[in-house]
PDB file of N, CA and C in Angstrom:
ATOM      1  N   UNK A   1     -67.945  50.139   9.326  1.00  0.00           N
ATOM      2  CA  UNK A   1     -66.796  50.688   9.041  1.00  0.00           C
ATOM      3  C   UNK A   1     -65.716  49.814   8.544  1.00  0.00           C
ATOM      4  N   UNK A   2     -65.776  49.425   7.638  1.00  0.00           N
ATOM      5  CA  UNK A   2     -64.798  48.416   6.986  1.00  0.00           C
ATOM      6  C   UNK A   2     -63.775  49.077   6.320  1.00  0.00           C
ATOM      7  N   UNK A   3     -62.835  48.608   6.751  1.00  0.00           N
ATOM      8  CA  UNK A   3     -61.599  49.049   6.057  1.00  0.00           C
ATOM      9  C   UNK A   3     -60.943  48.107   4.860  1.00  0.00           C
ATOM     10  N   UNK A   4     -60.844  48.796   3.958  1.00  0.00           N
ATOM     11  CA  UNK A   4     -60.517  47.959   2.703  1.00  0.00           C
ATOM     12  C   UNK A   4     -59.048  47.575   2.840  1.00  0.00           C
ATOM     13  N   UNK A   5     -58.597  46.323   2.979  1.00  0.00           N
ATOM     14  CA  UNK A   5     -57.294  46.036   3.039  1.00  0.00           C
ATOM     15  C   UNK A   5     -56.638  45.343   1.782  1.00  0.00           C
ATOM     16  N   UNK A   6     -55.497  45.853   1.363  1.00  0.00           N
ATOM     17  CA  UNK A   6     -55.023  45.471   0.046  1.00  0.00           C
ATOM     18  C   UNK A   6     -54.623  43.998   0.230  1.00  0.00           C
ATOM     19  N   UNK A   7     -54.104  43.346  -0.816  1.00  0.00           N
ATOM     20  CA  UNK A   7     -53.806  42.083  -0.889  1.00  0.00           C
ATOM     21  C   UNK A   7     -52.632  41.685   0.014  1.00  0.00           C
ATOM     22  N   UNK A   8     -52.740  40.739   0.886  1.00  0.00           N
ATOM     23  CA  UNK A   8     -51.689  40.497   1.940  1.00  0.00           C
ATOM     24  C   UNK A   8     -50.548  39.842   1.210  1.00  0.00           C
ATOM     25  N   UNK A   9     -49.311  40.373   1.640  1.00  0.00           N
ATOM     26  CA  UNK A   9     -48.027  39.992   1.217  1.00  0.00           C
ATOM     27  C   UNK A   9     -47.574  38.738   1.958  1.00  0.00           C
ATOM     28  N   UNK A  10     -47.126  37.703   1.233  1.00  0.00           N
ATOM     29  CA  UNK A  10     -46.556  36.806   1.865  1.00  0.00           C
ATOM     30  C   UNK A  10     -45.034  36.847   1.984  1.00  0.00           C
ATOM     31  N   UNK A  11     -44.492  36.420   3.110  1.00  0.00           N
ATOM     32  CA  UNK A  11     -43.016  36.609   3.310  1.00  0.00           C
ATOM     33  C   UNK A  11     -42.526  35.100   3.584  1.00  0.00           C
ATOM     34  N   UNK A  12     -41.713  34.867   2.523  1.00  0.00           N
ATOM     35  CA  UNK A  12     -41.065  33.399   2.484  1.00  0.00           C
ATOM     36  C   UNK A  12     -39.756  33.368   2.876  1.00  0.00           C
ATOM     37  N   UNK A  13     -39.416  32.915   3.707  1.00  0.00           N
ATOM     38  CA  UNK A  13     -38.040  32.725   4.568  1.00  0.00           C
ATOM     39  C   UNK A  13     -37.399  31.567   3.600  1.00  0.00           C
ATOM     40  N   UNK A  14     -36.084  31.553   3.411  1.00  0.00           N
ATOM     41  CA  UNK A  14     -35.427  30.609   2.742  1.00  0.00           C
ATOM     42  C   UNK A  14     -35.258  29.458   3.843  1.00  0.00           C
ATOM     43  N   UNK A  15     -35.410  28.345   3.342  1.00  0.00           N
ATOM     44  CA  UNK A  15     -35.213  27.257   4.225  1.00  0.00           C
ATOM     45  C   UNK A  15     -33.728  27.053   4.606  1.00  0.00           C
ATOM     46  N   UNK A  16     -33.322  26.753   5.851  1.00  0.00           N
ATOM     47  CA  UNK A  16     -32.122  26.525   6.199  1.00  0.00           C
ATOM     48  C   UNK A  16     -31.566  25.320   5.321  1.00  0.00           C
ATOM     49  N   UNK A  17     -30.270  25.387   5.025  1.00  0.00           N
ATOM     50  CA  UNK A  17     -29.512  24.438   4.277  1.00  0.00           C
ATOM     51  C   UNK A  17     -29.317  23.358   5.227  1.00  0.00           C
ATOM     52  N   UNK A  18     -29.278  22.197   4.906  1.00  0.00           N
ATOM     53  CA  UNK A  18     -28.952  21.098   5.787  1.00  0.00           C
ATOM     54  C   UNK A  18     -27.441  21.074   5.723  1.00  0.00           C
ATOM     55  N   UNK A  19     -26.807  20.723   6.958  1.00  0.00           N
ATOM     56  CA  UNK A  19     -25.379  20.465   7.107  1.00  0.00           C
ATOM     57  C   UNK A  19     -24.831  19.354   6.347  1.00  0.00           C
ATOM     58  N   UNK A  20     -23.905  19.305   5.635  1.00  0.00           N
ATOM     59  CA  UNK A  20     -23.347  18.233   4.893  1.00  0.00           C
ATOM     60  C   UNK A  20     -22.871  17.350   6.007  1.00  0.00           C
ATOM     61  N   UNK A  21     -23.462  16.072   5.903  1.00  0.00           N
ATOM     62  CA  UNK A  21     -23.156  14.924   6.776  1.00  0.00           C
ATOM     63  C   UNK A  21     -22.401  13.787   5.924  1.00  0.00           C
ATOM     64  N   UNK A  22     -21.514  13.084   6.715  1.00  0.00           N
ATOM     65  CA  UNK A  22     -20.952  12.151   6.101  1.00  0.00           C
ATOM     66  C   UNK A  22     -21.910  10.955   5.931  1.00  0.00           C
ATOM     67  N   UNK A  23     -21.632  10.043   4.886  1.00  0.00           N
ATOM     68  CA  UNK A  23     -22.393   9.180   4.471  1.00  0.00           C
ATOM     69  C   UNK A  23     -22.490   8.025   5.765  1.00  0.00           C
ATOM     70  N   UNK A  24     -23.741   7.593   5.740  1.00  0.00           N
ATOM     71  CA  UNK A  24     -24.014   6.734   6.809  1.00  0.00           C
ATOM     72  C   UNK A  24     -23.190   5.155   6.449  1.00  0.00           C
ATOM     73  N   UNK A  25     -22.497   4.789   7.500  1.00  0.00           N
ATOM     74  CA  UNK A  25     -21.728   3.501   7.139  1.00  0.00           C
ATOM     75  C   UNK A  25     -22.218   2.597   8.415  1.00  0.00           C
ATOM     76  N   UNK A  26     -22.417   1.249   7.887  1.00  0.00           N
ATOM     77  CA  UNK A  26     -22.973   0.363   8.826  1.00  0.00           C
ATOM     78  C   UNK A  26     -21.853   0.055   9.950  1.00  0.00           C
ATOM     79  N   UNK A  27     -22.143   0.120  10.974  1.00  0.00           N
ATOM     80  CA  UNK A  27     -21.315  -0.100  12.247  1.00  0.00           C
ATOM     81  C   UNK A  27     -20.769  -1.585  12.201  1.00  0.00           C
ATOM     82  N   UNK A  28     -19.444  -1.706  12.526  1.00  0.00           N
ATOM     83  CA  UNK A  28     -18.884  -2.928  12.443  1.00  0.00           C
ATOM     84  C   UNK A  28     -18.925  -3.568  13.946  1.00  0.00           C
ATOM     85  N   UNK A  29     -19.129  -4.731  13.985  1.00  0.00           N
ATOM     86  CA  UNK A  29     -19.161  -5.345  15.506  1.00  0.00           C
ATOM     87  C   UNK A  29     -17.816  -5.065  16.106  1.00  0.00           C
ATOM     88  N   UNK A  30     -17.901  -4.925  17.333  1.00  0.00           N
ATOM     89  CA  UNK A  30     -16.535  -4.703  18.066  1.00  0.00           C
ATOM     90  C   UNK A  30     -16.022  -6.058  18.393  1.00  0.00           C
ATOM     91  N   UNK A  31     -14.629  -6.005  17.969  1.00  0.00           N
ATOM     92  CA  UNK A  31     -13.851  -7.429  18.093  1.00  0.00           C
ATOM     93  C   UNK A  31     -12.910  -7.190  19.293  1.00  0.00           C
ATOM     94  N   UNK A  32     -12.734  -6.026  19.880  1.00  0.00           N
ATOM     95  CA  UNK A  32     -11.786  -5.853  20.951  1.00  0.00           C
ATOM     96  C   UNK A  32     -10.330  -5.266  20.530  1.00  0.00           C
ATOM     97  N   UNK A  33     -10.238  -5.471  19.058  1.00  0.00           N
ATOM     98  CA  UNK A  33      -9.020  -5.018  18.544  1.00  0.00           C
ATOM     99  C   UNK A  33      -9.326  -3.949  17.634  1.00  0.00           C
ATOM    100  N   UNK A  34      -8.374  -2.820  17.671  1.00  0.00           N
ATOM    101  CA  UNK A  34      -8.604  -1.648  16.802  1.00  0.00           C
ATOM    102  C   UNK A  34      -8.512  -1.866  15.248  1.00  0.00           C
ATOM    103  N   UNK A  35      -9.325  -1.213  14.567  1.00  0.00           N
ATOM    104  CA  UNK A  35      -9.291  -1.571  13.056  1.00  0.00           C
ATOM    105  C   UNK A  35      -7.916  -0.687  12.567  1.00  0.00           C
ATOM    106  N   UNK A  36      -7.644  -0.984  11.306  1.00  0.00           N
ATOM    107  CA  UNK A  36      -6.575  -0.380  10.683  1.00  0.00           C
ATOM    108  C   UNK A  36      -6.647   1.184  10.717  1.00  0.00           C
ATOM    109  N   UNK A  37      -7.910   1.514  10.432  1.00  0.00           N
ATOM    110  CA  UNK A  37      -8.071   3.103  10.424  1.00  0.00           C
ATOM    111  C   UNK A  37      -7.863   3.797  11.930  1.00  0.00           C
ATOM    112  N   UNK A  38      -8.266   2.854  12.808  1.00  0.00           N
ATOM    113  CA  UNK A  38      -8.199   3.594  14.299  1.00  0.00           C
ATOM    114  C   UNK A  38      -6.740   3.437  14.858  1.00  0.00           C
ATOM    115  N   UNK A  39      -6.015   2.416  14.638  1.00  0.00           N
ATOM    116  CA  UNK A  39      -4.545   2.382  15.220  1.00  0.00           C
ATOM    117  C   UNK A  39      -3.593   3.055  14.206  1.00  0.00           C
ATOM    118  N   UNK A  40      -2.806   3.718  15.105  1.00  0.00           N
ATOM    119  CA  UNK A  40      -1.713   4.414  14.457  1.00  0.00           C
ATOM    120  C   UNK A  40      -0.404   3.524  14.203  1.00  0.00           C
ATOM    121  N   UNK A  41       0.038   3.547  12.935  1.00  0.00           N
ATOM    122  CA  UNK A  41       0.996   2.614  12.650  1.00  0.00           C
ATOM    123  C   UNK A  41       2.420   3.337  12.835  1.00  0.00           C
ATOM    124  N   UNK A  42       3.239   2.744  13.660  1.00  0.00           N
ATOM    125  CA  UNK A  42       4.547   3.280  14.087  1.00  0.00           C
ATOM    126  C   UNK A  42       5.536   2.456  13.457  1.00  0.00           C
ATOM    127  N   UNK A  43       6.432   2.950  12.458  1.00  0.00           N
ATOM    128  CA  UNK A  43       7.362   2.141  11.754  1.00  0.00           C
ATOM    129  C   UNK A  43       8.555   1.831  12.793  1.00  0.00           C
ATOM    130  N   UNK A  44       9.356   0.964  12.238  1.00  0.00           N
ATOM    131  CA  UNK A  44      10.477   0.423  13.210  1.00  0.00           C
ATOM    132  C   UNK A  44      11.584   1.585  13.150  1.00  0.00           C
ATOM    133  N   UNK A  45      11.852   1.992  11.965  1.00  0.00           N
ATOM    134  CA  UNK A  45      12.968   2.837  11.681  1.00  0.00           C
ATOM    135  C   UNK A  45      12.403   4.219  11.316  1.00  0.00           C
ATOM    136  N   UNK A  46      12.995   5.312  11.669  1.00  0.00           N
ATOM    137  CA  UNK A  46      12.632   6.637  11.038  1.00  0.00           C
ATOM    138  C   UNK A  46      13.581   7.174  10.303  1.00  0.00           C
ATOM    139  N   UNK A  47      13.295   8.130   9.711  1.00  0.00           N
ATOM    140  CA  UNK A  47      14.175   9.090   8.757  1.00  0.00           C
ATOM    141  C   UNK A  47      15.786   9.107   9.243  1.00  0.00           C
ATOM    142  N   UNK A  48      16.048   9.343  10.570  1.00  0.00           N
ATOM    143  CA  UNK A  48      17.398   9.428  11.102  1.00  0.00           C
ATOM    144  C   UNK A  48      18.154   8.012  10.907  1.00  0.00           C
ATOM    145  N   UNK A  49      17.454   6.985  11.257  1.00  0.00           N
ATOM    146  CA  UNK A  49      17.843   5.494  11.062  1.00  0.00           C
ATOM    147  C   UNK A  49      18.199   5.330   9.464  1.00  0.00           C
ATOM    148  N   UNK A  50      17.581   5.873   8.679  1.00  0.00           N
ATOM    149  CA  UNK A  50      17.763   5.418   7.129  1.00  0.00           C
ATOM    150  C   UNK A  50      18.926   6.426   6.820  1.00  0.00           C
ATOM    151  N   UNK A  51      19.063   7.411   7.215  1.00  0.00           N
ATOM    152  CA  UNK A  51      20.122   8.478   7.003  1.00  0.00           C
ATOM    153  C   UNK A  51      21.439   7.827   7.347  1.00  0.00           C
ATOM    154  N   UNK A  52      21.477   7.301   8.718  1.00  0.00           N
ATOM    155  CA  UNK A  52      22.519   6.607   9.301  1.00  0.00           C
ATOM    156  C   UNK A  52      23.087   5.311   8.482  1.00  0.00           C
ATOM    157  N   UNK A  53      21.971   4.617   7.948  1.00  0.00           N
ATOM    158  CA  UNK A  53      22.196   3.466   7.156  1.00  0.00           C
ATOM    159  C   UNK A  53      22.922   3.693   5.959  1.00  0.00           C
ATOM    160  N   UNK A  54      22.339   4.822   5.333  1.00  0.00           N
ATOM    161  CA  UNK A  54      22.984   5.055   4.093  1.00  0.00           C
ATOM    162  C   UNK A  54      24.385   5.658   4.265  1.00  0.00           C
ATOM    163  N   UNK A  55      24.674   6.456   5.240  1.00  0.00           N
ATOM    164  CA  UNK A  55      26.195   6.843   5.712  1.00  0.00           C
ATOM    165  C   UNK A  55      27.008   5.549   5.876  1.00  0.00           C
ATOM    166  N   UNK A  56      26.520   4.650   6.563  1.00  0.00           N
ATOM    167  CA  UNK A  56      27.397   3.394   6.733  1.00  0.00           C
ATOM    168  C   UNK A  56      27.597   2.658   5.557  1.00  0.00           C
ATOM    169  N   UNK A  57      26.536   2.574   4.674  1.00  0.00           N
ATOM    170  CA  UNK A  57      26.845   1.864   3.451  1.00  0.00           C
ATOM    171  C   UNK A  57      27.749   2.774   2.505  1.00  0.00           C
ATOM    172  N   UNK A  58      27.669   4.087   2.612  1.00  0.00           N
ATOM    173  CA  UNK A  58      28.742   4.707   1.762  1.00  0.00           C
ATOM    174  C   UNK A  58      30.118   4.673   2.382  1.00  0.00           C
ATOM    175  N   UNK A  59      30.227   4.485   3.484  1.00  0.00           N
ATOM    176  CA  UNK A  59      31.673   4.269   4.241  1.00  0.00           C
ATOM    177  C   UNK A  59      32.092   2.952   3.710  1.00  0.00           C
ATOM    178  N   UNK A  60      31.263   1.802   3.793  1.00  0.00           N
ATOM    179  CA  UNK A  60      31.951   0.646   3.391  1.00  0.00           C
ATOM    180  C   UNK A  60      32.072   0.672   1.833  1.00  0.00           C
ATOM    181  N   UNK A  61      31.386   1.281   0.868  1.00  0.00           N
ATOM    182  CA  UNK A  61      31.800   1.267  -0.412  1.00  0.00           C
ATOM    183  C   UNK A  61      32.929   2.082  -0.645  1.00  0.00           C
ATOM    184  N   UNK A  62      33.291   3.238   0.075  1.00  0.00           N
ATOM    185  CA  UNK A  62      34.506   3.878  -0.048  1.00  0.00           C
ATOM    186  C   UNK A  62      35.700   2.802   0.434  1.00  0.00           C
ATOM    187  N   UNK A  63      35.549   2.306   1.480  1.00  0.00           N
ATOM    188  CA  UNK A  63      36.414   1.123   1.849  1.00  0.00           C
ATOM    189  C   UNK A  63      36.869   0.256   0.596  1.00  0.00           C
ATOM    190  N   UNK A  64      35.631  -0.362   0.185  1.00  0.00           N
ATOM    191  CA  UNK A  64      35.899  -1.437  -1.118  1.00  0.00           C
ATOM    192  C   UNK A  64      36.608  -0.561  -2.356  1.00  0.00           C
ATOM    193  N   UNK A  65      36.151   0.744  -2.446  1.00  0.00           N
ATOM    194  CA  UNK A  65      36.993   1.369  -3.578  1.00  0.00           C
ATOM    195  C   UNK A  65      38.426   1.625  -3.225  1.00  0.00           C
ATOM    196  N   UNK A  66      38.733   1.908  -1.886  1.00  0.00           N
ATOM    197  CA  UNK A  66      40.199   1.929  -1.508  1.00  0.00           C
ATOM    198  C   UNK A  66      41.036   0.527  -1.753  1.00  0.00           C
ATOM    199  N   UNK A  67      40.259  -0.302  -1.492  1.00  0.00           N
ATOM    200  CA  UNK A  67      40.936  -1.738  -1.648  1.00  0.00           C
ATOM    201  C   UNK A  67      41.097  -2.069  -3.040  1.00  0.00           C
ATOM    202  N   UNK A  68      40.580  -1.673  -3.967  1.00  0.00           N
ATOM    203  CA  UNK A  68      40.628  -2.246  -5.426  1.00  0.00           C
ATOM    204  C   UNK A  68      41.642  -1.523  -6.222  1.00  0.00           C
ATOM    205  N   UNK A  69      42.016  -2.034  -7.377  1.00  0.00           N
ATOM    206  CA  UNK A  69      43.037  -1.463  -8.209  1.00  0.00           C
ATOM    207  C   UNK A  69      44.344  -1.978  -7.805  1.00  0.00           C
ATOM    208  N   UNK A  70      45.461  -1.388  -8.224  1.00  0.00           N
ATOM    209  CA  UNK A  70      46.712  -1.808  -7.880  1.00  0.00           C
ATOM    210  C   UNK A  70      47.207  -2.886  -8.686  1.00  0.00           C
ATOM    211  N   UNK A  71      47.008  -2.952 -10.107  1.00  0.00           N
ATOM    212  CA  UNK A  71      47.565  -4.009 -10.766  1.00  0.00           C
ATOM    213  C   UNK A  71      48.923  -3.840 -11.183  1.00  0.00           C
ATOM    214  N   UNK A  72      49.737  -4.787 -11.349  1.00  0.00           N
ATOM    215  CA  UNK A  72      51.131  -4.751 -11.684  1.00  0.00           C
ATOM    216  C   UNK A  72      51.451  -4.124 -12.999  1.00  0.00           C
ATOM    217  N   UNK A  73      52.517  -3.158 -13.059  1.00  0.00           N
ATOM    218  CA  UNK A  73      52.796  -2.635 -14.362  1.00  0.00           C
ATOM    219  C   UNK A  73      53.251  -3.608 -15.356  1.00  0.00           C
ATOM    220  N   UNK A  74      53.987  -4.649 -14.713  1.00  0.00           N
ATOM    221  CA  UNK A  74      54.637  -5.648 -15.648  1.00  0.00           C
ATOM    222  C   UNK A  74      54.167  -6.949 -15.011  1.00  0.00           C
ATOM    223  N   UNK A  75      53.541  -7.945 -15.938  1.00  0.00           N
ATOM    224  CA  UNK A  75      52.945  -9.130 -15.279  1.00  0.00           C
ATOM    225  C   UNK A  75      54.324 -10.126 -14.836  1.00  0.00           C
ATOM    226  N   UNK A  76      55.527  -9.846 -15.269  1.00  0.00           N
ATOM    227  CA  UNK A  76      56.773 -10.695 -14.885  1.00  0.00           C
ATOM    228  C   UNK A  76      57.276 -10.307 -13.565  1.00  0.00           C
ATOM    229  N   UNK A  77      56.900  -9.165 -13.172  1.00  0.00           N
ATOM    230  CA  UNK A  77      57.519  -8.625 -11.781  1.00  0.00           C
ATOM    231  C   UNK A  77      56.444  -8.537 -10.643  1.00  0.00           C
ATOM    232  N   UNK A  78      56.838  -8.592  -9.511  1.00  0.00           N
ATOM    233  CA  UNK A  78      56.065  -8.643  -8.355  1.00  0.00           C
ATOM    234  C   UNK A  78      56.461  -7.441  -7.373  1.00  0.00           C
ATOM    235  N   UNK A  79      55.676  -6.546  -7.324  1.00  0.00           N
ATOM    236  CA  UNK A  79      55.969  -5.242  -6.546  1.00  0.00           C
ATOM    237  C   UNK A  79      55.071  -5.190  -5.307  1.00  0.00           C
ATOM    238  N   UNK A  80      55.746  -5.557  -4.090  1.00  0.00           N
ATOM    239  CA  UNK A  80      55.001  -5.702  -2.742  1.00  0.00           C
ATOM    240  C   UNK A  80      54.356  -4.233  -2.381  1.00  0.00           C
ATOM    241  N   UNK A  81      55.110  -3.247  -2.837  1.00  0.00           N
ATOM    242  CA  UNK A  81      54.715  -1.923  -2.434  1.00  0.00           C
ATOM    243  C   UNK A  81      53.311  -1.429  -3.029  1.00  0.00           C
ATOM    244  N   UNK A  82      52.836  -2.213  -3.946  1.00  0.00           N
ATOM    245  CA  UNK A  82      51.587  -1.964  -4.649  1.00  0.00           C
ATOM    246  C   UNK A  82      50.562  -2.600  -3.927  1.00  0.00           C
ATOM    247  N   UNK A  83      50.810  -3.977  -3.612  1.00  0.00           N
ATOM    248  CA  UNK A  83      49.785  -4.859  -3.044  1.00  0.00           C
ATOM    249  C   UNK A  83      49.576  -4.419  -1.597  1.00  0.00           C
ATOM    250  N   UNK A  84      50.724  -4.433  -0.997  1.00  0.00           N
ATOM    251  CA  UNK A  84      50.771  -4.055   0.584  1.00  0.00           C
ATOM    252  C   UNK A  84      50.890  -2.607   0.863  1.00  0.00           C
ATOM    253  N   UNK A  85      50.242  -1.569   0.190  1.00  0.00           N
ATOM    254  CA  UNK A  85      50.404  -0.301   0.264  1.00  0.00           C
ATOM    255  C   UNK A  85      49.582   0.017   1.588  1.00  0.00           C
ATOM    256  N   UNK A  86      49.842   1.387   2.391  1.00  0.00           N
ATOM    257  CA  UNK A  86      49.177   1.528   3.616  1.00  0.00           C
ATOM    258  C   UNK A  86      47.709   1.889   3.228  1.00  0.00           C
ATOM    259  N   UNK A  87      47.572   2.361   1.888  1.00  0.00           N
ATOM    260  CA  UNK A  87      46.041   2.735   1.392  1.00  0.00           C
ATOM    261  C   UNK A  87      45.249   1.406   1.759  1.00  0.00           C
ATOM    262  N   UNK A  88      45.656   0.263   1.156  1.00  0.00           N
ATOM    263  CA  UNK A  88      45.033  -1.068   1.297  1.00  0.00           C
ATOM    264  C   UNK A  88      45.065  -1.738   2.421  1.00  0.00           C
ATOM    265  N   UNK A  89      46.081  -1.617   3.389  1.00  0.00           N
ATOM    266  CA  UNK A  89      46.384  -2.249   4.617  1.00  0.00           C
ATOM    267  C   UNK A  89      45.932  -1.567   5.601  1.00  0.00           C
ATOM    268  N   UNK A  90      45.630  -0.306   5.750  1.00  0.00           N
ATOM    269  CA  UNK A  90      45.244   0.538   6.963  1.00  0.00           C
ATOM    270  C   UNK A  90      44.007   1.358   6.633  1.00  0.00           C
ATOM    271  N   UNK A  91      43.967   2.209   5.585  1.00  0.00           N
ATOM    272  CA  UNK A  91      42.754   2.935   5.417  1.00  0.00           C
ATOM    273  C   UNK A  91      41.533   2.283   4.883  1.00  0.00           C
ATOM    274  N   UNK A  92      41.591   1.310   4.159  1.00  0.00           N
ATOM    275  CA  UNK A  92      40.548   0.866   3.697  1.00  0.00           C
ATOM    276  C   UNK A  92      39.829  -0.011   4.698  1.00  0.00           C
ATOM    277  N   UNK A  93      40.488  -0.822   5.349  1.00  0.00           N
ATOM    278  CA  UNK A  93      39.888  -1.579   6.661  1.00  0.00           C
ATOM    279  C   UNK A  93      39.061  -0.655   7.669  1.00  0.00           C
ATOM    280  N   UNK A  94      39.681   0.531   7.800  1.00  0.00           N
ATOM    281  CA  UNK A  94      39.253   1.481   8.853  1.00  0.00           C
ATOM    282  C   UNK A  94      37.920   1.924   8.209  1.00  0.00           C
ATOM    283  N   UNK A  95      37.863   2.176   6.866  1.00  0.00           N
ATOM    284  CA  UNK A  95      36.506   2.678   6.283  1.00  0.00           C
ATOM    285  C   UNK A  95      35.515   1.528   6.483  1.00  0.00           C
ATOM    286  N   UNK A  96      36.084   0.454   6.324  1.00  0.00           N
ATOM    287  CA  UNK A  96      35.029  -0.768   6.194  1.00  0.00           C
ATOM    288  C   UNK A  96      34.434  -1.067   7.792  1.00  0.00           C
ATOM    289  N   UNK A  97      35.444  -1.021   8.710  1.00  0.00           N
ATOM    290  CA  UNK A  97      34.907  -1.252  10.101  1.00  0.00           C
ATOM    291  C   UNK A  97      34.139  -0.137  10.504  1.00  0.00           C
ATOM    292  N   UNK A  98      34.511   1.238  10.126  1.00  0.00           N
ATOM    293  CA  UNK A  98      33.578   2.377  10.563  1.00  0.00           C
ATOM    294  C   UNK A  98      32.201   2.270   9.970  1.00  0.00           C
ATOM    295  N   UNK A  99      32.328   1.668   8.704  1.00  0.00           N
ATOM    296  CA  UNK A  99      31.004   1.450   8.029  1.00  0.00           C
ATOM    297  C   UNK A  99      30.083   0.563   8.772  1.00  0.00           C
ATOM    298  N   UNK A 100      30.680  -0.639   9.140  1.00  0.00           N
ATOM    299  CA  UNK A 100      29.811  -1.518   9.899  1.00  0.00           C
ATOM    300  C   UNK A 100      29.189  -1.209  11.312  1.00  0.00           C
ATOM    301  N   UNK A 101      30.328  -0.308  11.969  1.00  0.00           N
ATOM    302  CA  UNK A 101      29.837   0.444  13.168  1.00  0.00           C
ATOM    303  C   UNK A 101      28.641   1.143  13.161  1.00  0.00           C
ATOM    304  N   UNK A 102      28.672   1.938  12.098  1.00  0.00           N
ATOM    305  CA  UNK A 102      27.694   2.987  11.899  1.00  0.00           C
ATOM    306  C   UNK A 102      26.362   2.353  11.428  1.00  0.00           C
ATOM    307  N   UNK A 103      26.434   1.104  10.769  1.00  0.00           N
ATOM    308  CA  UNK A 103      25.398   0.216  10.393  1.00  0.00           C
ATOM    309  C   UNK A 103      24.496  -0.109  11.731  1.00  0.00           C
ATOM    310  N   UNK A 104      25.409  -0.779  12.410  1.00  0.00           N
ATOM    311  CA  UNK A 104      24.909  -1.515  13.696  1.00  0.00           C
ATOM    312  C   UNK A 104      24.271  -0.311  14.569  1.00  0.00           C
ATOM    313  N   UNK A 105      25.114   0.699  14.728  1.00  0.00           N
ATOM    314  CA  UNK A 105      24.441   1.772  15.570  1.00  0.00           C
ATOM    315  C   UNK A 105      23.106   2.334  15.107  1.00  0.00           C
ATOM    316  N   UNK A 106      22.836   2.392  13.529  1.00  0.00           N
ATOM    317  CA  UNK A 106      21.642   2.856  12.945  1.00  0.00           C
ATOM    318  C   UNK A 106      20.652   1.818  13.321  1.00  0.00           C
ATOM    319  N   UNK A 107      20.905   0.440  13.198  1.00  0.00           N
ATOM    320  CA  UNK A 107      20.075  -0.300  13.510  1.00  0.00           C
ATOM    321  C   UNK A 107      19.516  -0.393  14.908  1.00  0.00           C
ATOM    322  N   UNK A 108      20.328  -0.294  15.903  1.00  0.00           N
ATOM    323  CA  UNK A 108      19.892  -0.387  17.363  1.00  0.00           C
ATOM    324  C   UNK A 108      19.509   1.185  17.950  1.00  0.00           C
ATOM    325  N   UNK A 109      19.626   2.256  17.260  1.00  0.00           N
ATOM    326  CA  UNK A 109      19.231   3.505  17.621  1.00  0.00           C
ATOM    327  C   UNK A 109      17.865   3.755  17.640  1.00  0.00           C
ATOM    328  N   UNK A 110      17.262   4.169  18.818  1.00  0.00           N
ATOM    329  CA  UNK A 110      15.695   4.316  19.080  1.00  0.00           C
ATOM    330  C   UNK A 110      15.297   5.583  18.400  1.00  0.00           C
TER     331      UNK A 110
END
């Protein structure tokens, strides 16, 4: 009693795809110090420091502009109210000193 069997079917399973692996890099000898890629670089100044430095520079620029100008309308006359005006003698130095204080604060701020 022999049973006649038809042709056997082959089941082919797809081979699993290999996971993408990073390229092999030769290991560097350990020197005790972390490499540039391993250590996190921390800058001395952050964004807030640079904003404060810009504000200080702007205050000093305003002080310089306030000190400028004031030429005499007639070169043969001397008008002390133009040269020694409150704008030049009080307001401009206040802006200059405020700008310098803001700059020092920006540099020393952590």
